[in-house]
Amino acid sequence: MFLPLNFAASLVFIWQPVGSITSVPMSGLGRKRSMFYLQIPLFIAWILPFFAETVWELYIAASIMGLGIGFMQAPIATYIGEVTLPQYRGLLACIAYCFLTLGSVCVYAIDVIVGNWRYTALYCAVMPPLTAILLYIIPESPIWLVSQGRYAEAKKALSWLRGWVAESEVEQEFKTMLIHNSPKFAALVDNEIPSVSGGFEMDSNEQVKNETYKELKDEQSNVTQTDVDTGLEITKPKKTEDEKEKDTNWSGNKKEEEPFIRFIGRPEMYRPLLLSAVYLYLSNGIGVAAFRPYLVLIFRDFRIEFIDEYIATIAVTTIGLVGNIASVVLMPLIGKRRLTIIAIISCAVGCFGIGIYKVIDDYQPIPPNMTWLAIAFMIAIFFATNLAVGHMPWVLMSEIFPLRGRTLATGVVAGFGNFVQFLGTKLFITYVDEMYLSGTFFMYGATFMVGLIYLYFFLIETEGRSLDDIVTMFRGKQ
């Protein structure tokens, strides 16, 4: 007994939402340890096909692979957002996606060269152990360590991430990281107590004394805050005694935290959640993410005679890698918002082009010397997808959520993205049966245009902005 083609092709994606949601409780392990331990299911998923004797073992391997990929998405996006400076965050996230596309090209190429899917899986099984070794070397996220009260480790990790510099060189950034991410210093964000100035060191066991706040209160008449990413100082008047009495006492104790359910309803949470969901539907629910498993069959339907369909698959995927590289170059120059608009328009044009091509081809077969048009439209879709549409939602997820809800929001949104990818992959064959290939691509093109309208009005520019600035913009204060 075999699963239908559309279900088998989407089996990896159906388990990814489960992995994404399940990864939320694992945040207690930390970003680094989560990514380290999650190499185990990826290794099992790659090695199992080599020894598989029945098709159901392949289904199990695909399911484990889906879980492993889902597990990894939230920790990776969160880690990148927390360890990088604003001017490099988008660049490094794009480079990470470049290697994702490069991995796809390598898997296709290995399969063509080896000609045996079992050995292809065996060679790919080498990557999880190598990744685990690299993850063992890198430090934990300093922001996560600070949120856990492990200050000495956080300062050491920050020094490593900034180029193995002395701890004194990251003193100012570390102070601001404490203010914005440590529960003990969270009150500083709301001007409840004065900023810490001068030399400041704290190990994981040291407690903040009440007298420290009282002395600082008497010495300073204004609250000086420093942006967590840029280091820019902002001075604001301290609150009056009545205001302080209402908010918190000067012992440094934090006021009662807002219930998390109510926190989700705040603009800085629900607005980025909705934005990410819409963008992820464009990225995963339609277009390349939906029809990639059927790419060879699509090229076969195009009746391209001058190139083998497997080679054509590798070629267009390689073009996607070029799109990733272009994204790395263009993002710092024109920003994420403009890059998104350009990429979505290009995807829509490519989808409409293939739709028109197939309408003509179904009515009267296109001559063999003109079938290159189908390749050209497909190249446009792959290039534009890797220019922004495919990876930009994941880049944004690493920077648009506030710290308190970052892990949960990233996991939930990643789960939603994986679920719509499962639906898109599973329904592709159904769409083609009902609307033909031409109607399917017309529908994709129209959906891209509707999504473009939404993103034009609601996608903010995050390039070069600090995490706090981005949260403030979603909150509606700027």
Protein backbone atom coordinates (compact mmCIF):
# COMPACT_ATOMS: atom_id res chain seq x y z
CA MET A 1 0.00 0.00 0.00
CA PHE A 2 1.45 3.36 -1.05
CA LEU A 3 0.52 6.91 -0.18
CA PRO A 4 -0.74 9.15 -3.00
CA LEU A 5 1.97 11.13 -4.79
CA ASN A 6 0.82 14.50 -3.48
CA PHE A 7 0.68 13.21 0.11
CA ALA A 8 4.08 11.50 -0.08
CA ALA A 9 5.70 14.65 -1.53
CA SER A 10 4.26 16.78 1.29
CA LEU A 11 4.99 14.31 4.10
CA VAL A 12 8.07 16.26 5.23
CA PHE A 13 6.02 19.45 5.47
CA ILE A 14 3.12 18.01 7.48
CA TRP A 15 5.48 17.26 10.39
CA GLN A 16 7.30 20.58 10.29
CA PRO A 17 4.50 22.51 12.11
CA VAL A 18 4.57 19.88 14.86
CA GLY A 19 8.32 20.38 15.19
CA SER A 20 8.01 24.16 15.19
CA ILE A 21 5.42 24.22 17.99
CA THR A 22 7.26 21.54 19.97
CA SER A 23 10.47 23.59 19.83
CA VAL A 24 8.89 26.31 22.03
CA PRO A 25 9.24 24.39 25.34
CA MET A 26 12.82 23.58 24.36
CA SER A 27 13.73 27.27 24.67
CA GLY A 28 14.60 26.54 28.28
CA LEU A 29 17.65 24.66 27.01
CA GLY A 30 18.95 27.77 25.27
CA ARG A 31 19.38 28.56 21.58
CA LYS A 32 22.71 26.76 21.16
CA ARG A 33 21.85 23.57 23.04
CA SER A 34 18.51 23.31 21.24
CA MET A 35 20.23 23.49 17.85
CA PHE A 36 22.92 21.04 19.02
CA TYR A 37 20.57 18.29 20.23
CA LEU A 38 18.28 18.68 17.24
CA GLN A 39 20.99 17.40 14.92
CA ILE A 40 20.10 13.91 16.16
CA PRO A 41 16.73 13.60 14.37
CA LEU A 42 18.26 15.11 11.22
CA PHE A 43 21.02 12.49 11.25
CA ILE A 44 18.49 9.67 11.75
CA ALA A 45 16.32 11.04 8.91
CA TRP A 46 19.23 10.97 6.48
CA ILE A 47 20.76 7.63 7.48
CA LEU A 48 17.47 5.68 7.61
CA PRO A 49 16.78 5.73 3.83
CA PHE A 50 20.14 4.07 3.15
CA PHE A 51 19.08 1.00 5.14
CA ALA A 52 15.36 1.14 4.30
CA GLU A 53 13.81 -2.02 2.90
CA THR A 54 10.18 -0.91 2.68
CA VAL A 55 8.49 2.25 1.50
CA TRP A 56 7.06 2.81 4.98
CA GLU A 57 10.58 3.19 6.33
CA LEU A 58 11.01 6.00 3.82
CA TYR A 59 7.79 7.57 5.06
CA ILE A 60 9.12 7.38 8.62
CA ALA A 61 12.40 8.98 7.54
CA ALA A 62 10.51 11.79 5.81
CA SER A 63 8.41 12.34 8.94
CA ILE A 64 11.51 12.50 11.16
CA MET A 65 13.11 14.92 8.71
CA GLY A 66 10.04 17.15 8.88
CA LEU A 67 10.13 17.13 12.68
CA GLY A 68 13.85 17.92 12.69
CA ILE A 69 13.49 20.82 10.29
CA GLY A 70 10.57 22.21 12.29
CA PHE A 71 12.55 21.89 15.53
CA MET A 72 15.43 23.89 14.08
CA GLN A 73 13.65 26.87 12.52
CA ALA A 74 12.72 28.88 15.62
CA PRO A 75 16.08 28.49 17.43
CA ILE A 76 18.02 29.44 14.29
CA ALA A 77 15.95 32.56 13.55
CA THR A 78 16.05 33.63 17.20
CA TYR A 79 19.79 33.03 17.55
CA ILE A 80 20.66 35.06 14.45
CA GLY A 81 18.50 37.95 15.65
CA GLU A 82 20.03 37.96 19.13
CA VAL A 83 23.75 37.67 18.38
CA THR A 84 24.12 40.11 15.48
CA LEU A 85 24.33 43.89 15.35
CA PRO A 86 21.53 45.73 13.47
CA GLN A 87 23.72 46.66 10.50
CA TYR A 88 24.68 43.01 9.95
CA ARG A 89 21.50 41.17 11.00
CA GLY A 90 19.79 41.07 7.62
CA LEU A 91 23.06 40.36 5.81
CA LEU A 92 23.94 37.35 7.98
CA ALA A 93 20.39 35.99 7.82
CA CYS A 94 20.56 36.16 4.01
CA ILE A 95 23.94 34.42 4.00
CA ALA A 96 22.42 31.65 6.13
CA TYR A 97 19.65 31.25 3.55
CA CYS A 98 22.29 31.19 0.80
CA PHE A 99 23.72 28.06 2.37
CA LEU A 100 20.22 26.57 2.57
CA THR A 101 19.83 27.05 -1.19
CA LEU A 102 23.38 25.81 -1.77
CA GLY A 103 22.46 22.68 0.16
CA SER A 104 19.50 22.08 -2.16
CA VAL A 105 21.74 22.48 -5.20
CA CYS A 106 24.28 20.06 -3.72
CA VAL A 107 21.65 17.41 -2.97
CA TYR A 108 20.27 17.63 -6.53
CA ALA A 109 23.81 17.51 -7.95
CA ILE A 110 24.90 14.56 -5.80
CA ASP A 111 21.81 12.62 -6.83
CA VAL A 112 22.51 13.26 -10.53
CA ILE A 113 26.20 12.34 -10.18
CA VAL A 114 25.73 9.29 -7.97
CA GLY A 115 22.53 8.13 -9.62
CA ASN A 116 21.42 6.33 -6.47
CA TRP A 117 19.19 7.97 -3.87
CA ARG A 118 20.41 5.66 -1.12
CA TYR A 119 23.99 6.89 -1.44
CA THR A 120 22.75 10.45 -1.80
CA ALA A 121 21.08 10.13 1.60
CA LEU A 122 24.21 8.52 3.06
CA TYR A 123 26.43 11.40 1.93
CA CYS A 124 23.94 13.92 3.32
CA ALA A 125 24.02 12.13 6.68
CA VAL A 126 27.54 13.50 7.16
CA MET A 127 26.24 17.06 7.61
CA PRO A 128 24.40 16.83 10.99
CA PRO A 129 27.50 15.58 12.88
CA LEU A 130 29.62 18.31 11.28
CA THR A 131 27.00 20.89 12.22
CA ALA A 132 26.97 19.61 15.80
CA ILE A 133 30.75 20.10 16.02
CA LEU A 134 30.45 23.70 14.83
CA LEU A 135 27.57 24.36 17.24
CA TYR A 136 29.71 23.05 20.10
CA ILE A 137 32.31 25.70 19.31
CA ILE A 138 30.09 28.78 19.10
CA PRO A 139 28.78 30.51 22.27
CA GLU A 140 25.24 30.69 23.58
CA SER A 141 23.14 33.77 22.81
CA PRO A 142 24.21 36.53 25.26
CA ILE A 143 20.66 37.87 25.39
CA TRP A 144 19.31 34.47 26.43
CA LEU A 145 22.05 34.12 29.06
CA VAL A 146 21.23 37.57 30.46
CA SER A 147 17.52 36.71 30.61
CA GLN A 148 18.51 33.65 32.68
CA GLY A 149 20.68 35.70 35.07
CA ARG A 150 23.94 34.14 33.83
CA TYR A 151 25.75 37.47 33.47
CA ALA A 152 29.39 36.33 33.51
CA GLU A 153 28.74 33.79 30.73
CA ALA A 154 26.80 36.39 28.75
CA LYS A 155 29.67 38.88 28.87
CA LYS A 156 32.16 36.22 27.81
CA ALA A 157 29.91 35.12 24.93
CA LEU A 158 29.44 38.73 23.79
CA SER A 159 33.23 39.22 23.75
CA TRP A 160 33.59 36.10 21.58
CA LEU A 161 30.88 37.20 19.15
CA ARG A 162 32.35 40.69 18.71
CA GLY A 163 35.64 39.26 17.49
CA TRP A 164 37.33 37.70 20.52
CA VAL A 165 37.82 41.15 22.04
CA ALA A 166 38.53 41.94 25.69
CA GLU A 167 35.50 42.10 27.95
CA SER A 168 36.20 45.76 28.65
CA GLU A 169 35.51 46.55 24.98
CA VAL A 170 31.94 45.26 25.19
CA GLU A 171 31.23 46.84 28.58
CA GLN A 172 28.82 49.46 27.24
CA GLU A 173 26.90 47.02 25.02
CA PHE A 174 26.70 44.58 27.89
CA LYS A 175 25.23 47.24 30.20
CA THR A 176 22.50 48.07 27.71
CA MET A 177 21.85 44.36 27.18
CA LEU A 178 21.30 44.05 30.93
CA ILE A 179 18.90 46.98 30.96
CA HIS A 180 16.74 45.65 28.14
CA ASN A 181 16.83 41.92 28.78
CA SER A 182 17.46 41.21 32.47
CA PRO A 183 14.39 41.04 34.74
CA LYS A 184 16.39 42.89 37.41
CA PHE A 185 16.93 45.83 35.10
CA ALA A 186 13.68 45.72 33.12
CA ALA A 187 12.36 48.70 35.07
CA LEU A 188 14.99 50.91 33.45
CA VAL A 189 13.17 50.69 30.13
CA ASP A 190 10.17 52.43 31.70
CA ASN A 191 12.31 55.07 33.47
CA GLU A 192 11.52 53.61 36.86
CA ILE A 193 15.10 53.82 38.12
CA PRO A 194 18.20 55.65 36.93
CA SER A 195 20.64 54.18 34.48
CA VAL A 196 23.78 52.43 35.67
CA SER A 197 26.90 54.44 34.87
CA GLY A 198 30.63 53.97 35.27
CA GLY A 199 32.45 50.68 35.67
CA PHE A 200 30.07 47.80 36.16
CA GLU A 201 30.75 44.12 36.59
CA MET A 202 28.47 41.38 37.74
CA ASP A 203 28.85 37.65 37.97
CA SER A 204 26.07 35.14 37.94
CA ASN A 205 25.78 34.99 41.73
CA GLU A 206 25.90 38.69 42.56
CA GLN A 207 22.68 40.35 43.71
CA VAL A 208 21.75 43.94 42.97
CA LYS A 209 21.58 45.84 46.28
CA ASN A 210 18.67 48.08 47.14
CA GLU A 211 21.10 50.75 48.33
CA THR A 212 22.57 50.98 44.83
CA TYR A 213 19.28 52.20 43.43
CA LYS A 214 18.76 54.64 46.28
CA GLU A 215 22.21 56.17 45.79
CA LEU A 216 21.71 56.47 42.05
CA LYS A 217 18.34 58.05 42.66
CA ASP A 218 19.90 60.79 44.79
CA GLU A 219 22.83 61.36 42.43
CA GLN A 220 21.00 61.69 39.11
CA SER A 221 18.09 63.91 38.18
CA ASN A 222 17.46 62.28 34.82
CA VAL A 223 17.27 58.74 33.54
CA THR A 224 19.90 57.98 30.90
CA GLN A 225 19.09 55.03 28.69
CA THR A 226 21.20 53.48 25.97
CA ASP A 227 19.79 51.75 22.95
CA VAL A 228 20.49 48.04 23.17
CA ASP A 229 22.00 47.78 19.68
CA THR A 230 23.34 51.20 18.68
CA GLY A 231 24.70 52.38 22.01
CA LEU A 232 23.05 55.80 21.62
CA GLU A 233 22.22 57.46 24.96
CA ILE A 234 18.75 58.88 25.54
CA THR A 235 18.06 61.02 28.59
CA LYS A 236 14.51 61.36 29.91
CA PRO A 237 13.08 62.86 33.14
CA LYS A 238 12.58 60.51 36.01
CA LYS A 239 9.06 59.73 37.09
CA THR A 240 7.54 61.55 40.02
CA GLU A 241 7.29 59.89 43.40
CA ASP A 242 3.58 59.24 42.84
CA GLU A 243 4.25 57.59 39.50
CA LYS A 244 6.98 55.45 40.96
CA GLU A 245 4.74 54.46 43.86
CA LYS A 246 2.09 53.28 41.40
CA ASP A 247 4.49 51.33 39.18
CA THR A 248 7.01 49.74 41.53
CA ASN A 249 8.95 50.35 44.68
CA TRP A 250 12.56 51.50 44.77
CA SER A 251 13.81 48.22 46.12
CA GLY A 252 14.24 47.23 42.51
CA ASN A 253 11.40 44.73 42.56
CA LYS A 254 9.60 44.45 39.29
CA LYS A 255 5.94 45.30 39.14
CA GLU A 256 3.48 42.50 38.50
CA GLU A 257 3.92 41.21 34.98
CA GLU A 258 1.06 41.46 32.51
CA PRO A 259 -0.64 38.10 31.80
CA PHE A 260 0.82 36.56 28.67
CA ILE A 261 -2.57 36.14 26.97
CA ARG A 262 -3.14 39.88 27.30
CA PHE A 263 0.41 40.55 26.16
CA ILE A 264 -0.28 38.70 22.90
CA GLY A 265 -3.08 41.18 22.22
CA ARG A 266 -0.69 44.12 22.33
CA PRO A 267 0.14 45.78 18.97
CA GLU A 268 3.84 44.88 19.18
CA MET A 269 2.82 41.20 19.24
CA TYR A 270 -0.25 40.76 17.04
CA ARG A 271 0.90 43.10 14.27
CA PRO A 272 4.16 41.24 13.55
CA LEU A 273 2.31 37.93 13.96
CA LEU A 274 -0.20 38.88 11.26
CA LEU A 275 2.52 40.32 9.02
CA SER A 276 4.61 37.15 9.32
CA ALA A 277 1.59 34.93 8.59
CA VAL A 278 0.71 36.80 5.39
CA TYR A 279 4.32 36.87 4.19
CA LEU A 280 4.83 33.19 4.99
CA TYR A 281 1.75 32.25 2.99
CA LEU A 282 3.26 34.00 -0.02
CA SER A 283 6.57 32.30 0.69
CA ASN A 284 5.45 28.76 1.56
CA GLY A 285 1.84 28.37 0.50
CA ILE A 286 2.24 29.23 -3.18
CA GLY A 287 4.99 29.46 -5.74
CA VAL A 288 8.30 27.62 -5.53
CA ALA A 289 7.72 26.11 -2.08
CA ALA A 290 4.52 24.44 -3.29
CA PHE A 291 5.67 23.08 -6.64
CA ARG A 292 9.37 22.37 -5.97
CA PRO A 293 8.74 18.62 -5.32
CA TYR A 294 7.05 18.39 -8.74
CA LEU A 295 9.63 20.42 -10.65
CA VAL A 296 10.85 17.53 -12.78
CA LEU A 297 7.24 16.68 -13.74
CA ILE A 298 6.55 20.33 -14.62
CA PHE A 299 9.57 20.51 -16.92
CA ARG A 300 8.49 17.26 -18.50
CA ASP A 301 5.09 18.82 -19.18
CA PHE A 302 6.84 21.76 -20.87
CA ARG A 303 8.27 19.22 -23.39
CA ILE A 304 11.72 20.81 -23.28
CA GLU A 305 13.92 18.86 -25.68
CA PHE A 306 17.21 20.74 -25.54
CA ILE A 307 17.92 19.95 -21.87
CA ASP A 308 17.27 17.04 -19.53
CA GLU A 309 14.59 17.82 -16.95
CA TYR A 310 16.90 16.82 -14.08
CA ILE A 311 19.64 19.14 -15.33
CA ALA A 312 17.02 21.86 -15.75
CA THR A 313 15.99 21.37 -12.11
CA ILE A 314 19.59 21.84 -10.96
CA ALA A 315 19.95 24.88 -13.25
CA VAL A 316 16.94 26.79 -11.95
CA THR A 317 17.88 25.94 -8.35
CA THR A 318 21.36 27.31 -9.02
CA ILE A 319 19.74 30.48 -10.36
CA GLY A 320 17.98 30.67 -7.03
CA LEU A 321 21.39 30.68 -5.35
CA VAL A 322 22.35 33.65 -7.54
CA GLY A 323 19.19 35.34 -6.26
CA ASN A 324 20.38 34.76 -2.69
CA ILE A 325 23.72 36.37 -3.47
CA ALA A 326 21.95 39.32 -5.09
CA SER A 327 19.86 39.67 -1.94
CA VAL A 328 23.00 39.84 0.21
CA VAL A 329 24.31 42.67 -1.98
CA LEU A 330 21.06 44.62 -2.41
CA MET A 331 19.55 44.41 1.07
CA PRO A 332 21.96 46.89 2.72
CA LEU A 333 21.51 49.25 -0.26
CA ILE A 334 17.74 49.37 -0.75
CA GLY A 335 16.38 47.70 2.39
CA LYS A 336 14.06 44.76 3.00
CA ARG A 337 10.84 46.57 2.09
CA ARG A 338 11.85 47.61 -1.45
CA LEU A 339 13.51 44.25 -2.05
CA THR A 340 10.26 42.52 -1.05
CA ILE A 341 8.15 44.62 -3.43
CA ILE A 342 10.52 44.00 -6.36
CA ALA A 343 10.66 40.25 -5.67
CA ILE A 344 6.88 39.78 -5.32
CA ILE A 345 6.20 41.67 -8.56
CA SER A 346 8.79 39.48 -10.32
CA CYS A 347 7.20 36.30 -8.93
CA ALA A 348 3.78 37.46 -10.11
CA VAL A 349 5.11 38.23 -13.60
CA GLY A 350 6.78 34.81 -13.79
CA CYS A 351 3.60 33.01 -12.69
CA PHE A 352 1.42 34.93 -15.16
CA GLY A 353 4.01 34.22 -17.86
CA ILE A 354 3.89 30.46 -17.28
CA GLY A 355 0.09 30.61 -17.16
CA ILE A 356 -0.07 32.35 -20.56
CA TYR A 357 2.57 29.97 -21.95
CA LYS A 358 0.53 26.91 -20.95
CA VAL A 359 -2.75 28.36 -22.26
CA ILE A 360 -1.13 28.80 -25.67
CA ASP A 361 0.63 25.42 -25.47
CA ASP A 362 -2.60 23.60 -24.55
CA TYR A 363 -4.43 25.25 -27.46
CA GLN A 364 -1.65 24.73 -29.98
CA PRO A 365 1.66 23.07 -29.02
CA ILE A 366 4.52 25.56 -28.87
CA PRO A 367 7.40 24.79 -31.27
CA PRO A 368 10.45 23.15 -29.61
CA ASN A 369 12.64 26.18 -30.41
CA MET A 370 10.34 28.37 -28.26
CA THR A 371 10.14 26.18 -25.16
CA TRP A 372 13.02 28.19 -23.66
CA LEU A 373 10.34 30.74 -22.70
CA ALA A 374 9.05 28.35 -20.04
CA ILE A 375 12.58 28.03 -18.64
CA ALA A 376 12.93 31.83 -18.63
CA PHE A 377 9.72 32.34 -16.65
CA MET A 378 10.69 29.61 -14.20
CA ILE A 379 14.12 31.20 -13.75
CA ALA A 380 12.41 34.53 -12.99
CA ILE A 381 10.29 32.86 -10.29
CA PHE A 382 13.23 31.07 -8.70
CA PHE A 383 15.45 34.16 -8.82
CA ALA A 384 12.78 36.41 -7.28
CA THR A 385 11.86 33.82 -4.65
CA ASN A 386 15.45 33.61 -3.47
CA LEU A 387 15.90 37.35 -3.83
CA ALA A 388 13.40 37.98 -1.03
CA VAL A 389 10.11 36.06 -1.02
CA GLY A 390 11.51 32.73 0.13
CA HIS A 391 13.70 33.85 3.02
CA MET A 392 12.63 37.38 4.00
CA PRO A 393 9.87 36.19 6.38
CA TRP A 394 12.48 34.20 8.31
CA VAL A 395 14.82 37.20 8.39
CA LEU A 396 12.01 39.38 9.74
CA MET A 397 11.05 36.76 12.33
CA SER A 398 14.51 37.11 13.88
CA GLU A 399 13.98 40.79 14.65
CA ILE A 400 10.32 41.90 14.81
CA PHE A 401 9.08 40.17 18.00
CA PRO A 402 9.65 41.51 21.54
CA LEU A 403 11.89 39.41 23.77
CA ARG A 404 9.10 38.19 26.07
CA GLY A 405 7.12 36.56 23.27
CA ARG A 406 9.93 35.95 20.79
CA THR A 407 10.33 32.20 21.24
CA LEU A 408 6.61 31.43 21.24
CA ALA A 409 5.81 33.79 18.38
CA THR A 410 8.65 32.46 16.23
CA GLY A 411 7.61 28.87 16.89
CA VAL A 412 3.93 29.52 16.17
CA VAL A 413 4.60 31.48 12.99
CA ALA A 414 7.13 28.91 11.78
CA GLY A 415 4.55 26.21 12.44
CA PHE A 416 1.98 28.13 10.42
CA GLY A 417 4.45 28.58 7.56
CA ASN A 418 5.22 24.86 7.52
CA PHE A 419 1.52 24.00 7.63
CA VAL A 420 0.66 26.16 4.62
CA GLN A 421 3.64 24.66 2.81
CA PHE A 422 2.23 21.21 3.50
CA LEU A 423 -1.17 22.32 2.19
CA GLY A 424 0.36 24.03 -0.85
CA THR A 425 2.43 20.97 -1.74
CA LYS A 426 -0.41 18.54 -1.16
CA LEU A 427 -2.97 20.61 -3.08
CA PHE A 428 -0.74 21.36 -6.08
CA ILE A 429 -1.76 18.18 -7.91
CA THR A 430 -5.41 18.89 -7.04
CA TYR A 431 -5.11 22.43 -8.43
CA VAL A 432 -3.58 21.10 -11.64
CA ASP A 433 -6.33 18.48 -12.01
CA GLU A 434 -9.06 21.08 -11.50
CA MET A 435 -7.54 24.20 -13.14
CA TYR A 436 -4.74 22.74 -15.27
CA LEU A 437 -1.19 23.97 -14.90
CA SER A 438 -2.10 27.29 -16.52
CA GLY A 439 -4.92 28.05 -14.08
CA THR A 440 -2.75 27.06 -11.12
CA PHE A 441 -0.04 29.55 -12.05
CA PHE A 442 -2.63 32.25 -12.80
CA MET A 443 -3.96 31.71 -9.26
CA TYR A 444 -0.42 31.98 -7.84
CA GLY A 445 0.17 35.22 -9.73
CA ALA A 446 -3.09 36.75 -8.49
CA THR A 447 -2.33 35.73 -4.91
CA PHE A 448 1.08 37.39 -5.12
CA MET A 449 -0.56 40.64 -6.23
CA VAL A 450 -3.08 40.56 -3.36
CA GLY A 451 -0.25 39.90 -0.91
CA LEU A 452 1.73 42.75 -2.43
CA ILE A 453 -1.07 45.20 -1.61
CA TYR A 454 -1.08 44.13 2.03
CA LEU A 455 2.69 44.24 2.44
CA TYR A 456 2.91 47.63 0.72
CA PHE A 457 0.84 49.18 3.50
CA PHE A 458 1.93 47.14 6.53
CA LEU A 459 5.54 46.03 5.99
CA ILE A 460 7.87 48.39 7.84
CA GLU A 461 11.54 48.85 7.01
CA THR A 462 13.68 47.08 9.63
CA GLU A 463 17.07 47.24 7.94
CA GLY A 464 19.66 48.87 10.21
CA ARG A 465 17.21 49.42 13.07
CA SER A 466 17.71 48.14 16.59
CA LEU A 467 15.39 45.50 18.01
CA ASP A 468 13.90 48.08 20.39
CA ASP A 469 13.22 50.55 17.56
CA ILE A 470 11.40 47.85 15.59
CA VAL A 471 9.22 46.86 18.54
CA THR A 472 8.43 50.53 19.17
CA MET A 473 7.35 51.00 15.54
CA PHE A 474 4.94 48.07 15.78
CA ARG A 475 3.66 49.46 19.05
CA GLY A 476 2.61 52.55 17.13
CA LYS A 477 4.68 55.17 18.93
CA GLN A 478 6.73 55.95 15.82
